[in-house]
Amino acid sequence: MTANIYSVDYYYTTVEDAPGQGCRFLEAIASEEVNLVAFNAFPVGRDRTQLVMYPLNSTWLGDMARNEGLRLVGPHHAFIVHGDDELGALVTIHQKLCDEDINVSSSNGIADGRGGFRYILHVHPDDYKRALEILDVDQNMKPLADYHINMHRRFEAKG
């Protein structure tokens, strides 16, 4: 199978690096019914952690951040790749970018244990549009169809 590649927006915020911070953040995400395609957290400095969110719906994430008093930075752009887990599955993608002198600035991936993989790929913002073309990303296609997430949201007045 050829890998499917999607463009996805992501946002980040920085929080105190202390026990329970990640749990509180994820509880807020869940209570506001914000669905994430991916999430990453890593230390930045001695006492701060950066939380990176790849939401299915940016508006819902923004609402949650306002309710929690969080400052989101973004949107930024990344690529989500998924396909069959086979030896060298990512080589073709990286080679296309390499041939056009586009650096992959960061990436994360995981095999799903069922013969597939998911991979998040970041390039420099100045190279993003070229990478869209080089990777032949269909921007009309949304990753939602490939994620089996129950999309629902409460629409009730608060206050």
Protein backbone atom coordinates (compact mmCIF):
# COMPACT_ATOMS: atom_id res chain seq x y z
CA MET A 1 0.00 0.00 0.00
CA THR A 2 1.15 3.51 -0.73
CA ALA A 3 1.35 5.68 2.35
CA ASN A 4 -1.38 8.26 2.86
CA ILE A 5 -0.09 11.71 3.75
CA TYR A 6 -2.22 14.45 5.27
CA SER A 7 -1.55 18.01 6.26
CA VAL A 8 -2.49 18.73 9.86
CA ASP A 9 -2.40 21.85 12.01
CA TYR A 10 -0.85 21.76 15.43
CA TYR A 11 -0.61 24.09 18.41
CA TYR A 12 1.57 24.16 21.47
CA THR A 13 1.62 25.63 24.92
CA THR A 14 4.15 25.55 27.73
CA VAL A 15 3.25 24.57 31.28
CA GLU A 16 5.06 24.09 34.56
CA ASP A 17 6.94 20.78 34.66
CA ALA A 18 5.36 19.34 37.78
CA PRO A 19 3.57 16.11 38.73
CA GLY A 20 -0.05 16.15 37.58
CA GLN A 21 0.22 18.94 34.99
CA GLY A 22 -0.16 16.57 32.04
CA CYS A 23 -3.02 14.77 33.74
CA ARG A 24 -4.86 18.04 34.44
CA PHE A 25 -4.37 19.13 30.85
CA LEU A 26 -5.65 15.83 29.44
CA GLU A 27 -8.62 15.94 31.82
CA ALA A 28 -9.48 19.41 30.47
CA ILE A 29 -9.21 18.13 26.89
CA ALA A 30 -11.52 15.22 27.71
CA SER A 31 -14.05 17.30 29.65
CA GLU A 32 -14.30 19.78 26.76
CA GLU A 33 -14.62 16.84 24.32
CA VAL A 34 -11.68 17.93 22.19
CA ASN A 35 -10.48 15.08 19.99
CA LEU A 36 -6.77 14.94 19.21
CA VAL A 37 -5.16 13.11 16.31
CA ALA A 38 -1.86 13.21 18.20
CA PHE A 39 -0.32 14.64 21.34
CA ASN A 40 3.29 15.08 22.42
CA ALA A 41 4.94 16.48 25.53
CA PHE A 42 8.62 17.14 26.19
CA PRO A 43 10.74 19.20 28.56
CA VAL A 44 11.92 22.67 27.56
CA GLY A 45 14.33 24.03 30.09
CA ARG A 46 14.60 23.07 33.70
CA ASP A 47 11.04 23.51 34.91
CA ARG A 48 8.80 23.80 31.83
CA THR A 49 7.13 21.27 29.54
CA GLN A 50 5.86 21.92 26.03
CA LEU A 51 2.53 20.29 25.16
CA VAL A 52 1.92 19.83 21.43
CA MET A 53 -1.63 19.15 20.22
CA TYR A 54 -2.82 18.03 16.80
CA PRO A 55 -6.60 18.58 17.04
CA LEU A 56 -9.31 17.31 14.76
CA ASN A 57 -11.11 20.59 15.38
CA SER A 58 -9.00 23.67 16.09
CA THR A 59 -11.98 25.74 17.20
CA TRP A 60 -12.81 23.30 19.98
CA LEU A 61 -9.18 23.29 21.10
CA GLY A 62 -9.19 27.11 21.15
CA ASP A 63 -12.36 27.13 23.25
CA MET A 64 -10.79 24.72 25.74
CA ALA A 65 -7.60 26.80 25.95
CA ARG A 66 -9.59 29.98 26.66
CA ASN A 67 -11.61 28.18 29.35
CA GLU A 68 -8.40 26.91 30.97
CA GLY A 69 -6.46 30.17 30.59
CA LEU A 70 -3.86 28.58 28.30
CA ARG A 71 -2.05 30.51 25.58
CA LEU A 72 -1.81 28.42 22.41
CA VAL A 73 0.86 29.13 19.82
CA GLY A 74 -0.16 28.21 16.29
CA PRO A 75 -1.45 27.05 14.01
CA HIS A 76 1.66 25.45 12.66
CA HIS A 77 1.68 22.76 10.00
CA ALA A 78 2.88 19.18 9.94
CA PHE A 79 2.23 16.00 8.00
CA ILE A 80 0.69 12.81 9.26
CA VAL A 81 1.66 9.72 7.34
CA HIS A 82 0.13 6.29 7.69
CA GLY A 83 0.59 3.11 5.78
CA ASP A 84 1.66 -0.50 5.96
CA ASP A 85 4.41 -1.32 8.42
CA GLU A 86 7.13 -2.73 6.21
CA LEU A 87 10.88 -2.44 6.10
CA GLY A 88 11.89 0.94 4.63
CA ALA A 89 8.35 2.34 4.68
CA LEU A 90 9.61 5.88 5.33
CA VAL A 91 12.60 5.88 2.99
CA THR A 92 10.67 6.99 -0.12
CA ILE A 93 9.08 9.91 1.73
CA HIS A 94 12.37 11.10 3.17
CA GLN A 95 14.16 10.60 -0.16
CA LYS A 96 11.66 12.82 -1.98
CA LEU A 97 12.28 15.60 0.53
CA CYS A 98 16.03 15.04 0.54
CA ASP A 99 16.17 15.22 -3.27
CA GLU A 100 14.56 18.67 -3.07
CA ASP A 101 16.86 19.84 -0.25
CA ILE A 102 14.06 19.93 2.34
CA ASN A 103 15.13 19.07 5.86
CA VAL A 104 12.88 17.06 8.17
CA SER A 105 13.20 19.09 11.36
CA SER A 106 11.50 16.56 13.64
CA SER A 107 9.41 13.43 13.45
CA ASN A 108 7.80 10.74 15.57
CA GLY A 109 6.33 7.43 14.57
CA ILE A 110 4.88 4.24 15.92
CA ALA A 111 3.81 0.88 14.55
CA ASP A 112 0.21 0.10 15.47
CA GLY A 113 0.76 -3.60 16.15
CA ARG A 114 -1.71 -4.54 13.42
CA GLY A 115 0.58 -4.14 10.42
CA GLY A 116 0.35 -0.38 10.03
CA PHE A 117 2.18 2.73 11.22
CA ARG A 118 1.52 6.39 11.96
CA TYR A 119 4.19 9.03 11.55
CA ILE A 120 4.26 12.78 12.23
CA LEU A 121 6.70 14.78 10.15
CA HIS A 122 7.70 18.45 10.51
CA VAL A 123 9.58 20.59 8.01
CA HIS A 124 10.69 24.20 8.28
CA PRO A 125 7.75 26.60 7.72
CA ASP A 126 9.50 28.08 4.66
CA ASP A 127 9.56 24.60 3.07
CA TYR A 128 6.01 23.57 3.95
CA LYS A 129 4.30 24.55 0.67
CA ARG A 130 7.01 22.90 -1.43
CA ALA A 131 6.77 19.77 0.72
CA LEU A 132 3.00 19.69 0.09
CA GLU A 133 3.69 19.48 -3.64
CA ILE A 134 6.64 17.11 -3.42
CA LEU A 135 4.73 14.68 -1.21
CA ASP A 136 1.63 15.06 -3.41
CA VAL A 137 -0.61 15.82 -0.43
CA ASP A 138 -4.29 16.04 -1.37
CA GLN A 139 -5.44 19.00 0.73
CA ASN A 140 -9.09 18.22 0.06
CA MET A 141 -8.66 14.94 1.89
CA LYS A 142 -8.97 15.06 5.66
CA PRO A 143 -7.48 12.54 8.07
CA LEU A 144 -10.78 12.25 9.93
CA ALA A 145 -11.92 9.47 7.60
CA ASP A 146 -8.98 7.35 8.72
CA TYR A 147 -9.44 7.85 12.44
CA HIS A 148 -12.25 6.01 14.11
CA ILE A 149 -13.17 8.60 16.71
CA ASN A 150 -16.66 9.25 17.95
CA MET A 151 -17.10 12.94 17.13
CA HIS A 152 -19.58 14.62 19.42
CA ARG A 153 -19.69 17.90 21.24
CA ARG A 154 -22.03 19.35 23.77
CA PHE A 155 -23.66 22.52 22.55
CA GLU A 156 -25.14 24.02 25.68
CA ALA A 157 -24.97 27.53 27.00
CA LYS A 158 -22.48 28.01 29.78
CA GLY A 159 -23.18 30.33 32.66
